[in-house]
Amino acid sequence: MSVASWWKIAIKVSLGKLVLAPPLEELISHQLAQNGIALLEIQPKHLVVVSQLPYHHRDPFDRLVISQAIAEQLPIVSCDTLFDAYPITRLW
């Protein structure tokens, strides 16, 4: 899971747009451990791909996740159909 996804969640929590029952730190560590999810850090190669992406999607976090999926050849779990404009596999 991209660290950018957790970053976006953290921003929504700080703005009051998302209320979580457990504290964010607890939720992150629990979900990563319980579901065996590896955290994908932001690498320079991901930023290079971001700089080359066509502008189908305006959200900077989503653009980063898309670039990580392209660079790492990983699928994305999202209901956002705008992701389909990029050369990635979208699940859900």
PDB file of N, CA and C in Angstrom:
ATOM      1  N   MET A   1       0.852  -1.173   0.000  1.00  0.00           N
ATOM      2  CA  MET A   1       0.000   0.000   0.000  1.00  0.00           C
ATOM      3  C   MET A   1       0.891   1.228   0.000  1.00  0.00           C
ATOM      4  N   SER A   2       0.551   2.177  -0.834  1.00  0.00           N
ATOM      5  CA  SER A   2       1.349   3.392  -0.927  1.00  0.00           C
ATOM      6  C   SER A   2       1.253   4.228   0.341  1.00  0.00           C
ATOM      7  N   VAL A   3       2.389   4.747   0.768  1.00  0.00           N
ATOM      8  CA  VAL A   3       2.394   5.681   1.892  1.00  0.00           C
ATOM      9  C   VAL A   3       1.554   6.911   1.537  1.00  0.00           C
ATOM     10  N   ALA A   4       1.425   7.213   0.241  1.00  0.00           N
ATOM     11  CA  ALA A   4       0.603   8.343  -0.203  1.00  0.00           C
ATOM     12  C   ALA A   4      -0.877   8.136   0.146  1.00  0.00           C
ATOM     13  N   SER A   5      -1.329   6.897   0.143  1.00  0.00           N
ATOM     14  CA  SER A   5      -2.720   6.614   0.503  1.00  0.00           C
ATOM     15  C   SER A   5      -2.974   6.932   1.980  1.00  0.00           C
ATOM     16  N   TRP A   6      -2.029   6.541   2.835  1.00  0.00           N
ATOM     17  CA  TRP A   6      -2.164   6.857   4.262  1.00  0.00           C
ATOM     18  C   TRP A   6      -2.028   8.364   4.486  1.00  0.00           C
ATOM     19  N   TRP A   7      -1.171   9.003   3.706  1.00  0.00           N
ATOM     20  CA  TRP A   7      -0.986  10.451   3.798  1.00  0.00           C
ATOM     21  C   TRP A   7      -2.303  11.163   3.492  1.00  0.00           C
ATOM     22  N   LYS A   8      -2.974  10.712   2.440  1.00  0.00           N
ATOM     23  CA  LYS A   8      -4.261  11.302   2.052  1.00  0.00           C
ATOM     24  C   LYS A   8      -5.303  11.087   3.158  1.00  0.00           C
ATOM     25  N   ILE A   9      -5.319   9.906   3.754  1.00  0.00           N
ATOM     26  CA  ILE A   9      -6.232   9.613   4.869  1.00  0.00           C
ATOM     27  C   ILE A   9      -5.932  10.546   6.037  1.00  0.00           C
ATOM     28  N   ALA A  10      -4.649  10.742   6.349  1.00  0.00           N
ATOM     29  CA  ALA A  10      -4.255  11.612   7.459  1.00  0.00           C
ATOM     30  C   ALA A  10      -4.745  13.041   7.231  1.00  0.00           C
ATOM     31  N   ILE A  11      -4.656  13.523   6.002  1.00  0.00           N
ATOM     32  CA  ILE A  11      -5.129  14.872   5.694  1.00  0.00           C
ATOM     33  C   ILE A  11      -6.638  14.962   5.889  1.00  0.00           C
ATOM     34  N   LYS A  12      -7.365  13.942   5.430  1.00  0.00           N
ATOM     35  CA  LYS A  12      -8.824  13.958   5.593  1.00  0.00           C
ATOM     36  C   LYS A  12      -9.210  13.945   7.074  1.00  0.00           C
ATOM     37  N   VAL A  13      -8.458  13.202   7.891  1.00  0.00           N
ATOM     38  CA  VAL A  13      -8.708  13.183   9.335  1.00  0.00           C
ATOM     39  C   VAL A  13      -8.460  14.577   9.914  1.00  0.00           C
ATOM     40  N   SER A  14      -7.346  15.209   9.544  1.00  0.00           N
ATOM     41  CA  SER A  14      -7.010  16.522  10.104  1.00  0.00           C
ATOM     42  C   SER A  14      -8.019  17.604   9.698  1.00  0.00           C
ATOM     43  N   LEU A  15      -8.640  17.440   8.530  1.00  0.00           N
ATOM     44  CA  LEU A  15      -9.640  18.409   8.066  1.00  0.00           C
ATOM     45  C   LEU A  15     -11.041  18.115   8.611  1.00  0.00           C
ATOM     46  N   GLY A  16     -11.184  16.988   9.312  1.00  0.00           N
ATOM     47  CA  GLY A  16     -12.486  16.601   9.838  1.00  0.00           C
ATOM     48  C   GLY A  16     -13.392  15.971   8.803  1.00  0.00           C
ATOM     49  N   LYS A  17     -12.848  15.614   7.644  1.00  0.00           N
ATOM     50  CA  LYS A  17     -13.640  14.977   6.592  1.00  0.00           C
ATOM     51  C   LYS A  17     -13.734  13.469   6.779  1.00  0.00           C
ATOM     52  N   LEU A  18     -12.937  12.942   7.699  1.00  0.00           N
ATOM     53  CA  LEU A  18     -12.937  11.511   7.983  1.00  0.00           C
ATOM     54  C   LEU A  18     -12.740  11.331   9.476  1.00  0.00           C
ATOM     55  N   VAL A  19     -13.627  10.577  10.099  1.00  0.00           N
ATOM     56  CA  VAL A  19     -13.528  10.294  11.529  1.00  0.00           C
ATOM     57  C   VAL A  19     -13.216   8.810  11.685  1.00  0.00           C
ATOM     58  N   LEU A  20     -12.155   8.518  12.415  1.00  0.00           N
ATOM     59  CA  LEU A  20     -11.740   7.137  12.632  1.00  0.00           C
ATOM     60  C   LEU A  20     -11.974   6.766  14.087  1.00  0.00           C
ATOM     61  N   ALA A  21     -12.417   5.535  14.326  1.00  0.00           N
ATOM     62  CA  ALA A  21     -12.634   5.081  15.699  1.00  0.00           C
ATOM     63  C   ALA A  21     -11.306   4.925  16.433  1.00  0.00           C
ATOM     64  N   PRO A  22     -10.369   4.126  15.900  1.00  0.00           N
ATOM     65  CA  PRO A  22      -9.062   4.074  16.567  1.00  0.00           C
ATOM     66  C   PRO A  22      -8.204   5.235  16.074  1.00  0.00           C
ATOM     67  N   PRO A  23      -7.207   5.630  16.864  1.00  0.00           N
ATOM     68  CA  PRO A  23      -6.285   6.667  16.374  1.00  0.00           C
ATOM     69  C   PRO A  23      -5.598   6.202  15.092  1.00  0.00           C
ATOM     70  N   LEU A  24      -5.252   7.155  14.234  1.00  0.00           N
ATOM     71  CA  LEU A  24      -4.664   6.828  12.940  1.00  0.00           C
ATOM     72  C   LEU A  24      -3.427   5.943  13.076  1.00  0.00           C
ATOM     73  N   GLU A  25      -2.544   6.258  14.000  1.00  0.00           N
ATOM     74  CA  GLU A  25      -1.318   5.461  14.179  1.00  0.00           C
ATOM     75  C   GLU A  25      -1.655   3.998  14.473  1.00  0.00           C
ATOM     76  N   GLU A  26      -2.639   3.788  15.330  1.00  0.00           N
ATOM     77  CA  GLU A  26      -3.068   2.430  15.681  1.00  0.00           C
ATOM     78  C   GLU A  26      -3.709   1.738  14.474  1.00  0.00           C
ATOM     79  N   LEU A  27      -4.538   2.464  13.747  1.00  0.00           N
ATOM     80  CA  LEU A  27      -5.201   1.902  12.572  1.00  0.00           C
ATOM     81  C   LEU A  27      -4.180   1.456  11.528  1.00  0.00           C
ATOM     82  N   ILE A  28      -3.202   2.309  11.249  1.00  0.00           N
ATOM     83  CA  ILE A  28      -2.191   1.970  10.247  1.00  0.00           C
ATOM     84  C   ILE A  28      -1.433   0.716  10.642  1.00  0.00           C
ATOM     85  N   SER A  29      -0.869   0.694  11.842  1.00  0.00           N
ATOM     86  CA  SER A  29      -0.070  -0.462  12.251  1.00  0.00           C
ATOM     87  C   SER A  29      -0.910  -1.731  12.312  1.00  0.00           C
ATOM     88  N   HIS A  30      -2.142  -1.611  12.784  1.00  0.00           N
ATOM     89  CA  HIS A  30      -3.022  -2.783  12.868  1.00  0.00           C
ATOM     90  C   HIS A  30      -3.363  -3.320  11.479  1.00  0.00           C
ATOM     91  N   GLN A  31      -3.758  -2.445  10.574  1.00  0.00           N
ATOM     92  CA  GLN A  31      -4.156  -2.882   9.234  1.00  0.00           C
ATOM     93  C   GLN A  31      -2.978  -3.482   8.456  1.00  0.00           C
ATOM     94  N   LEU A  32      -1.820  -2.858   8.547  1.00  0.00           N
ATOM     95  CA  LEU A  32      -0.652  -3.398   7.853  1.00  0.00           C
ATOM     96  C   LEU A  32      -0.310  -4.788   8.376  1.00  0.00           C
ATOM     97  N   ALA A  33      -0.311  -4.948   9.708  1.00  0.00           N
ATOM     98  CA  ALA A  33       0.034  -6.242  10.308  1.00  0.00           C
ATOM     99  C   ALA A  33      -1.051  -7.292  10.065  1.00  0.00           C
ATOM    100  N   GLN A  34      -2.302  -6.929  10.315  1.00  0.00           N
ATOM    101  CA  GLN A  34      -3.402  -7.889  10.200  1.00  0.00           C
ATOM    102  C   GLN A  34      -3.573  -8.400   8.772  1.00  0.00           C
ATOM    103  N   ASN A  35      -3.366  -7.539   7.799  1.00  0.00           N
ATOM    104  CA  ASN A  35      -3.610  -7.905   6.404  1.00  0.00           C
ATOM    105  C   ASN A  35      -2.339  -8.228   5.632  1.00  0.00           C
ATOM    106  N   GLY A  36      -1.201  -8.218   6.307  1.00  0.00           N
ATOM    107  CA  GLY A  36       0.051  -8.547   5.644  1.00  0.00           C
ATOM    108  C   GLY A  36       0.382  -7.584   4.513  1.00  0.00           C
ATOM    109  N   ILE A  37       0.107  -6.315   4.715  1.00  0.00           N
ATOM    110  CA  ILE A  37       0.311  -5.303   3.686  1.00  0.00           C
ATOM    111  C   ILE A  37       1.675  -4.655   3.875  1.00  0.00           C
ATOM    112  N   ALA A  38       2.432  -4.584   2.797  1.00  0.00           N
ATOM    113  CA  ALA A  38       3.709  -3.878   2.818  1.00  0.00           C
ATOM    114  C   ALA A  38       3.465  -2.417   2.490  1.00  0.00           C
ATOM    115  N   LEU A  39       4.228  -1.547   3.107  1.00  0.00           N
ATOM    116  CA  LEU A  39       4.110  -0.117   2.860  1.00  0.00           C
ATOM    117  C   LEU A  39       5.073   0.267   1.750  1.00  0.00           C
ATOM    118  N   LEU A  40       4.544   0.851   0.679  1.00  0.00           N
ATOM    119  CA  LEU A  40       5.351   1.265  -0.464  1.00  0.00           C
ATOM    120  C   LEU A  40       5.753   2.725  -0.276  1.00  0.00           C
ATOM    121  N   GLU A  41       7.044   2.932  -0.023  1.00  0.00           N
ATOM    122  CA  GLU A  41       7.573   4.282   0.165  1.00  0.00           C
ATOM    123  C   GLU A  41       7.684   4.990  -1.187  1.00  0.00           C
ATOM    124  N   ILE A  42       7.797   6.294  -1.152  1.00  0.00           N
ATOM    125  CA  ILE A  42       7.954   7.086  -2.367  1.00  0.00           C
ATOM    126  C   ILE A  42       9.429   7.062  -2.771  1.00  0.00           C
ATOM    127  N   GLN A  43       9.687   6.634  -3.997  1.00  0.00           N
ATOM    128  CA  GLN A  43      11.042   6.519  -4.527  1.00  0.00           C
ATOM    129  C   GLN A  43      11.231   7.535  -5.660  1.00  0.00           C
ATOM    130  N   PRO A  44      12.482   7.920  -5.938  1.00  0.00           N
ATOM    131  CA  PRO A  44      12.727   8.842  -7.054  1.00  0.00           C
ATOM    132  C   PRO A  44      12.140   8.360  -8.384  1.00  0.00           C
ATOM    133  N   LYS A  45      12.181   7.051  -8.648  1.00  0.00           N
ATOM    134  CA  LYS A  45      11.635   6.550  -9.913  1.00  0.00           C
ATOM    135  C   LYS A  45      10.127   6.805 -10.011  1.00  0.00           C
ATOM    136  N   HIS A  46       9.428   6.843  -8.880  1.00  0.00           N
ATOM    137  CA  HIS A  46       7.994   7.138  -8.881  1.00  0.00           C
ATOM    138  C   HIS A  46       7.769   8.596  -9.291  1.00  0.00           C
ATOM    139  N   LEU A  47       8.638   9.482  -8.840  1.00  0.00           N
ATOM    140  CA  LEU A  47       8.519  10.901  -9.171  1.00  0.00           C
ATOM    141  C   LEU A  47       8.814  11.155 -10.644  1.00  0.00           C
ATOM    142  N   VAL A  48       9.732  10.388 -11.192  1.00  0.00           N
ATOM    143  CA  VAL A  48      10.023  10.507 -12.624  1.00  0.00           C
ATOM    144  C   VAL A  48       8.783  10.149 -13.426  1.00  0.00           C
ATOM    145  N   VAL A  49       8.098   9.075 -13.035  1.00  0.00           N
ATOM    146  CA  VAL A  49       6.880   8.677 -13.746  1.00  0.00           C
ATOM    147  C   VAL A  49       5.805   9.753 -13.591  1.00  0.00           C
ATOM    148  N   VAL A  50       5.663  10.327 -12.391  1.00  0.00           N
ATOM    149  CA  VAL A  50       4.689  11.412 -12.194  1.00  0.00           C
ATOM    150  C   VAL A  50       4.953  12.540 -13.184  1.00  0.00           C
ATOM    151  N   SER A  51       6.216  12.868 -13.383  1.00  0.00           N
ATOM    152  CA  SER A  51       6.551  13.978 -14.279  1.00  0.00           C
ATOM    153  C   SER A  51       6.211  13.689 -15.727  1.00  0.00           C
ATOM    154  N   GLN A  52       5.985  12.416 -16.057  1.00  0.00           N
ATOM    155  CA  GLN A  52       5.702  12.017 -17.432  1.00  0.00           C
ATOM    156  C   GLN A  52       4.242  11.642 -17.667  1.00  0.00           C
ATOM    157  N   LEU A  53       3.439  11.643 -16.614  1.00  0.00           N
ATOM    158  CA  LEU A  53       2.036  11.241 -16.748  1.00  0.00           C
ATOM    159  C   LEU A  53       1.217  12.280 -17.496  1.00  0.00           C
ATOM    160  N   PRO A  54       0.342  11.826 -18.396  1.00  0.00           N
ATOM    161  CA  PRO A  54      -0.636  12.762 -18.952  1.00  0.00           C
ATOM    162  C   PRO A  54      -1.571  13.214 -17.826  1.00  0.00           C
ATOM    163  N   TYR A  55      -2.194  14.362 -17.985  1.00  0.00           N
ATOM    164  CA  TYR A  55      -2.991  14.950 -16.913  1.00  0.00           C
ATOM    165  C   TYR A  55      -4.459  14.545 -16.985  1.00  0.00           C
ATOM    166  N   HIS A  56      -4.721  13.226 -16.921  1.00  0.00           N
ATOM    167  CA  HIS A  56      -6.102  12.744 -16.891  1.00  0.00           C
ATOM    168  C   HIS A  56      -6.705  12.905 -15.502  1.00  0.00           C
ATOM    169  N   HIS A  57      -5.856  12.875 -14.488  1.00  0.00           N
ATOM    170  CA  HIS A  57      -6.310  12.918 -13.102  1.00  0.00           C
ATOM    171  C   HIS A  57      -5.601  14.069 -12.411  1.00  0.00           C
ATOM    172  N   ARG A  58      -6.350  14.905 -11.691  1.00  0.00           N
ATOM    173  CA  ARG A  58      -5.775  16.110 -11.094  1.00  0.00           C
ATOM    174  C   ARG A  58      -5.310  15.923  -9.652  1.00  0.00           C
ATOM    175  N   ASP A  59      -5.808  14.918  -8.950  1.00  0.00           N
ATOM    176  CA  ASP A  59      -5.444  14.721  -7.549  1.00  0.00           C
ATOM    177  C   ASP A  59      -3.975  14.296  -7.440  1.00  0.00           C
ATOM    178  N   PRO A  60      -3.129  15.078  -6.752  1.00  0.00           N
ATOM    179  CA  PRO A  60      -1.703  14.754  -6.696  1.00  0.00           C
ATOM    180  C   PRO A  60      -1.399  13.427  -5.998  1.00  0.00           C
ATOM    181  N   PHE A  61      -2.193  13.062  -5.012  1.00  0.00           N
ATOM    182  CA  PHE A  61      -1.968  11.785  -4.330  1.00  0.00           C
ATOM    183  C   PHE A  61      -2.302  10.619  -5.262  1.00  0.00           C
ATOM    184  N   ASP A  62      -3.408  10.740  -5.978  1.00  0.00           N
ATOM    185  CA  ASP A  62      -3.782   9.688  -6.917  1.00  0.00           C
ATOM    186  C   ASP A  62      -2.763   9.573  -8.037  1.00  0.00           C
ATOM    187  N   ARG A  63      -2.247  10.699  -8.508  1.00  0.00           N
ATOM    188  CA  ARG A  63      -1.217  10.671  -9.551  1.00  0.00           C
ATOM    189  C   ARG A  63       0.038   9.954  -9.048  1.00  0.00           C
ATOM    190  N   LEU A  64       0.379  10.167  -7.782  1.00  0.00           N
ATOM    191  CA  LEU A  64       1.534   9.472  -7.216  1.00  0.00           C
ATOM    192  C   LEU A  64       1.268   7.974  -7.125  1.00  0.00           C
ATOM    193  N   VAL A  65       0.094   7.585  -6.664  1.00  0.00           N
ATOM    194  CA  VAL A  65      -0.263   6.165  -6.577  1.00  0.00           C
ATOM    195  C   VAL A  65      -0.247   5.534  -7.967  1.00  0.00           C
ATOM    196  N   ILE A  66      -0.748   6.238  -8.956  1.00  0.00           N
ATOM    197  CA  ILE A  66      -0.725   5.741 -10.333  1.00  0.00           C
ATOM    198  C   ILE A  66       0.711   5.549 -10.794  1.00  0.00           C
ATOM    199  N   SER A  67       1.563   6.518 -10.516  1.00  0.00           N
ATOM    200  CA  SER A  67       2.961   6.399 -10.943  1.00  0.00           C
ATOM    201  C   SER A  67       3.665   5.251 -10.233  1.00  0.00           C
ATOM    202  N   GLN A  68       3.341   5.025  -8.972  1.00  0.00           N
ATOM    203  CA  GLN A  68       3.925   3.892  -8.253  1.00  0.00           C
ATOM    204  C   GLN A  68       3.464   2.578  -8.873  1.00  0.00           C
ATOM    205  N   ALA A  69       2.189   2.500  -9.229  1.00  0.00           N
ATOM    206  CA  ALA A  69       1.671   1.282  -9.854  1.00  0.00           C
ATOM    207  C   ALA A  69       2.365   1.013 -11.185  1.00  0.00           C
ATOM    208  N   ILE A  70       2.589   2.059 -11.946  1.00  0.00           N
ATOM    209  CA  ILE A  70       3.266   1.898 -13.232  1.00  0.00           C
ATOM    210  C   ILE A  70       4.708   1.457 -13.015  1.00  0.00           C
ATOM    211  N   ALA A  71       5.433   2.167 -12.154  1.00  0.00           N
ATOM    212  CA  ALA A  71       6.849   1.885 -11.932  1.00  0.00           C
ATOM    213  C   ALA A  71       7.085   0.504 -11.326  1.00  0.00           C
ATOM    214  N   GLU A  72       6.187   0.091 -10.429  1.00  0.00           N
ATOM    215  CA  GLU A  72       6.348  -1.190  -9.723  1.00  0.00           C
ATOM    216  C   GLU A  72       5.563  -2.329 -10.366  1.00  0.00           C
ATOM    217  N   GLN A  73       4.808  -2.002 -11.414  1.00  0.00           N
ATOM    218  CA  GLN A  73       3.955  -2.975 -12.093  1.00  0.00           C
ATOM    219  C   GLN A  73       3.011  -3.667 -11.106  1.00  0.00           C
ATOM    220  N   LEU A  74       2.274  -2.822 -10.374  1.00  0.00           N
ATOM    221  CA  LEU A  74       1.328  -3.290  -9.372  1.00  0.00           C
ATOM    222  C   LEU A  74      -0.086  -2.839  -9.745  1.00  0.00           C
ATOM    223  N   PRO A  75      -1.107  -3.625  -9.376  1.00  0.00           N
ATOM    224  CA  PRO A  75      -2.485  -3.171  -9.599  1.00  0.00           C
ATOM    225  C   PRO A  75      -2.874  -2.143  -8.537  1.00  0.00           C
ATOM    226  N   ILE A  76      -3.914  -1.389  -8.826  1.00  0.00           N
ATOM    227  CA  ILE A  76      -4.460  -0.406  -7.892  1.00  0.00           C
ATOM    228  C   ILE A  76      -5.863  -0.849  -7.508  1.00  0.00           C
ATOM    229  N   VAL A  77      -6.166  -0.770  -6.211  1.00  0.00           N
ATOM    230  CA  VAL A  77      -7.518  -1.043  -5.739  1.00  0.00           C
ATOM    231  C   VAL A  77      -8.198   0.309  -5.567  1.00  0.00           C
ATOM    232  N   SER A  78      -9.158   0.594  -6.440  1.00  0.00           N
ATOM    233  CA  SER A  78      -9.864   1.877  -6.402  1.00  0.00           C
ATOM    234  C   SER A  78     -11.145   1.779  -7.221  1.00  0.00           C
ATOM    235  N   CYS A  79     -12.132   2.562  -6.827  1.00  0.00           N
ATOM    236  CA  CYS A  79     -13.363   2.647  -7.625  1.00  0.00           C
ATOM    237  C   CYS A  79     -13.312   3.837  -8.577  1.00  0.00           C
ATOM    238  N   ASP A  80     -12.207   4.567  -8.580  1.00  0.00           N
ATOM    239  CA  ASP A  80     -12.059   5.763  -9.409  1.00  0.00           C
ATOM    240  C   ASP A  80     -11.808   5.368 -10.862  1.00  0.00           C
ATOM    241  N   THR A  81     -12.786   5.589 -11.719  1.00  0.00           N
ATOM    242  CA  THR A  81     -12.671   5.191 -13.125  1.00  0.00           C
ATOM    243  C   THR A  81     -11.697   6.063 -13.911  1.00  0.00           C
ATOM    244  N   LEU A  82     -11.309   7.218 -13.380  1.00  0.00           N
ATOM    245  CA  LEU A  82     -10.297   8.039 -14.047  1.00  0.00           C
ATOM    246  C   LEU A  82      -8.950   7.309 -14.127  1.00  0.00           C
ATOM    247  N   PHE A  83      -8.732   6.368 -13.226  1.00  0.00           N
ATOM    248  CA  PHE A  83      -7.489   5.587 -13.239  1.00  0.00           C
ATOM    249  C   PHE A  83      -7.377   4.763 -14.525  1.00  0.00           C
ATOM    250  N   ASP A  84      -8.516   4.452 -15.137  1.00  0.00           N
ATOM    251  CA  ASP A  84      -8.517   3.605 -16.332  1.00  0.00           C
ATOM    252  C   ASP A  84      -7.859   4.275 -17.539  1.00  0.00           C
ATOM    253  N   ALA A  85      -7.619   5.572 -17.464  1.00  0.00           N
ATOM    254  CA  ALA A  85      -6.963   6.285 -18.563  1.00  0.00           C
ATOM    255  C   ALA A  85      -5.451   6.051 -18.575  1.00  0.00           C
ATOM    256  N   TYR A  86      -4.946   5.381 -17.551  1.00  0.00           N
ATOM    257  CA  TYR A  86      -3.509   5.130 -17.422  1.00  0.00           C
ATOM    258  C   TYR A  86      -3.207   3.651 -17.652  1.00  0.00           C
ATOM    259  N   PRO A  87      -1.965   3.336 -17.998  1.00  0.00           N
ATOM    260  CA  PRO A  87      -1.602   1.938 -18.270  1.00  0.00           C
ATOM    261  C   PRO A  87      -1.364   1.139 -16.985  1.00  0.00           C
ATOM    262  N   ILE A  88      -2.434   0.995 -16.206  1.00  0.00           N
ATOM    263  CA  ILE A  88      -2.382   0.223 -14.960  1.00  0.00           C
ATOM    264  C   ILE A  88      -3.574  -0.732 -14.940  1.00  0.00           C
ATOM    265  N   THR A  89      -3.530  -1.677 -14.039  1.00  0.00           N
ATOM    266  CA  THR A  89      -4.668  -2.555 -13.803  1.00  0.00           C
ATOM    267  C   THR A  89      -5.387  -2.038 -12.559  1.00  0.00           C
ATOM    268  N   ARG A  90      -6.665  -1.721 -12.719  1.00  0.00           N
ATOM    269  CA  ARG A  90      -7.474  -1.241 -11.601  1.00  0.00           C
ATOM    270  C   ARG A  90      -8.397  -2.355 -11.163  1.00  0.00           C
ATOM    271  N   LEU A  91      -8.361  -2.658  -9.867  1.00  0.00           N
ATOM    272  CA  LEU A  91      -9.250  -3.653  -9.288  1.00  0.00           C
ATOM    273  C   LEU A  91     -10.335  -2.929  -8.521  1.00  0.00           C
ATOM    274  N   TRP A  92     -11.563  -3.411  -8.659  1.00  0.00           N
ATOM    275  CA  TRP A  92     -12.737  -2.944  -7.924  1.00  0.00           C
ATOM    276  C   TRP A  92     -13.574  -2.099  -8.767  1.00  0.00           C
TER     277      TRP A  92
END
